[in-house]
Protein backbone atom coordinates (compact mmCIF):
# COMPACT_ATOMS: atom_id res chain seq x y z
CA MET A 1 108.30 159.82 127.08
CA ALA A 2 108.83 160.18 123.35
CA LYS A 3 106.78 158.29 120.80
CA TRP A 4 108.04 155.18 119.03
CA PRO A 5 110.75 155.99 116.51
CA PHE A 6 112.20 158.65 118.78
CA ALA A 7 112.06 156.40 121.83
CA LEU A 8 114.87 154.36 120.25
CA LEU A 9 117.08 157.46 120.31
CA ASP A 10 116.53 158.00 124.03
CA ARG A 11 119.83 157.00 125.67
CA ARG A 12 118.13 156.07 128.95
CA ASN A 13 116.58 153.00 127.29
CA TRP A 14 119.94 151.50 126.19
CA PRO A 15 121.74 148.94 128.33
CA LEU A 16 125.26 149.72 129.47
CA LEU A 17 127.97 147.92 127.50
CA ARG A 18 130.47 145.97 129.57
CA ARG A 19 134.04 145.07 128.58
CA GLY A 20 132.97 141.63 127.29
CA ASP A 21 130.24 143.16 125.15
CA VAL A 22 132.67 145.57 123.51
CA ALA A 23 135.24 142.78 123.00
CA GLY A 24 132.58 140.59 121.38
CA ILE A 25 131.48 143.38 119.05
CA ILE A 26 135.08 144.11 118.04
CA PHE A 27 135.76 140.40 117.48
CA ALA A 28 132.66 140.03 115.29
CA VAL A 29 133.56 143.12 113.24
CA LEU A 30 137.13 141.86 112.74
CA LEU A 31 135.88 138.40 111.74
CA ILE A 32 133.45 139.83 109.18
CA ALA A 33 136.12 142.20 107.85
CA ALA A 34 138.60 139.32 107.43
CA ALA A 35 136.01 137.20 105.62
CA LEU A 36 135.13 140.06 103.27
CA PHE A 37 138.81 140.76 102.62
CA LEU A 38 139.43 137.12 101.71
CA LEU A 39 136.39 137.02 99.42
CA VAL A 40 137.49 140.17 97.62
CA ARG A 41 141.20 139.29 97.48
CA PHE A 42 140.77 135.64 96.43
CA PRO A 43 137.43 135.41 94.56
CA GLN A 44 138.32 132.15 92.77
CA SER A 45 139.48 130.30 95.88
CA VAL A 46 136.73 127.69 95.48
CA PRO A 47 138.21 124.98 93.24
CA GLY A 48 136.02 123.46 90.54
CA HIS A 49 133.39 126.18 90.56
CA ASN A 50 131.21 125.36 87.55
CA TYR A 51 128.79 128.32 87.53
CA GLY A 52 125.70 126.12 87.65
CA PHE A 53 126.71 123.59 85.02
CA GLY A 54 127.32 119.92 85.75
CA PRO A 55 130.62 118.23 86.55
CA GLU A 56 131.16 117.39 82.87
CA TRP A 57 131.83 121.07 82.08
CA ASP A 58 135.07 123.06 82.42
CA CYS A 59 134.33 126.71 83.16
CA THR A 60 136.69 129.64 83.48
CA ASN A 61 136.15 133.28 84.28
CA PRO A 62 138.55 135.58 82.43
CA GLY A 63 137.78 138.37 84.88
CA SER A 64 136.98 141.82 83.59
CA ALA A 65 137.72 140.75 80.00
CA GLY A 66 134.34 139.10 79.54
CA GLY A 67 131.84 136.59 80.83
CA VAL A 68 132.24 133.01 81.92
CA SER A 69 133.43 130.55 79.27
CA CYS A 70 132.32 126.92 79.59
CA VAL A 71 133.42 123.97 77.44
CA LYS A 72 131.90 120.52 77.71
CA ARG A 73 134.44 117.77 78.30
CA ALA A 74 134.68 115.00 75.74
CA SER A 75 133.33 111.73 77.08
CA ASP A 76 135.78 108.81 77.30
CA SER A 77 133.44 106.41 75.47
CA SER A 78 133.19 108.64 72.37
CA ALA A 79 136.97 109.13 72.24
CA SER A 80 137.70 105.38 72.11
CA LYS A 81 135.37 104.71 69.12
């Protein structure tokens, strides 16, 4: 019998895959691929993402044009004075 790292390559030690095993692997790969596609295609799908600032900040990401721009909202009490 081969020593440790090469024992993993020995096909006799692997279990046989049944139809359900293959279907589960394909389903998991498709699910992960769909999630990655959605994250890449719609990166700003999370509404109100504030990039670590509090809820009193409005942040936007112009994309490849530059970094994140954040502006603090004016408080209602200071506007009425």
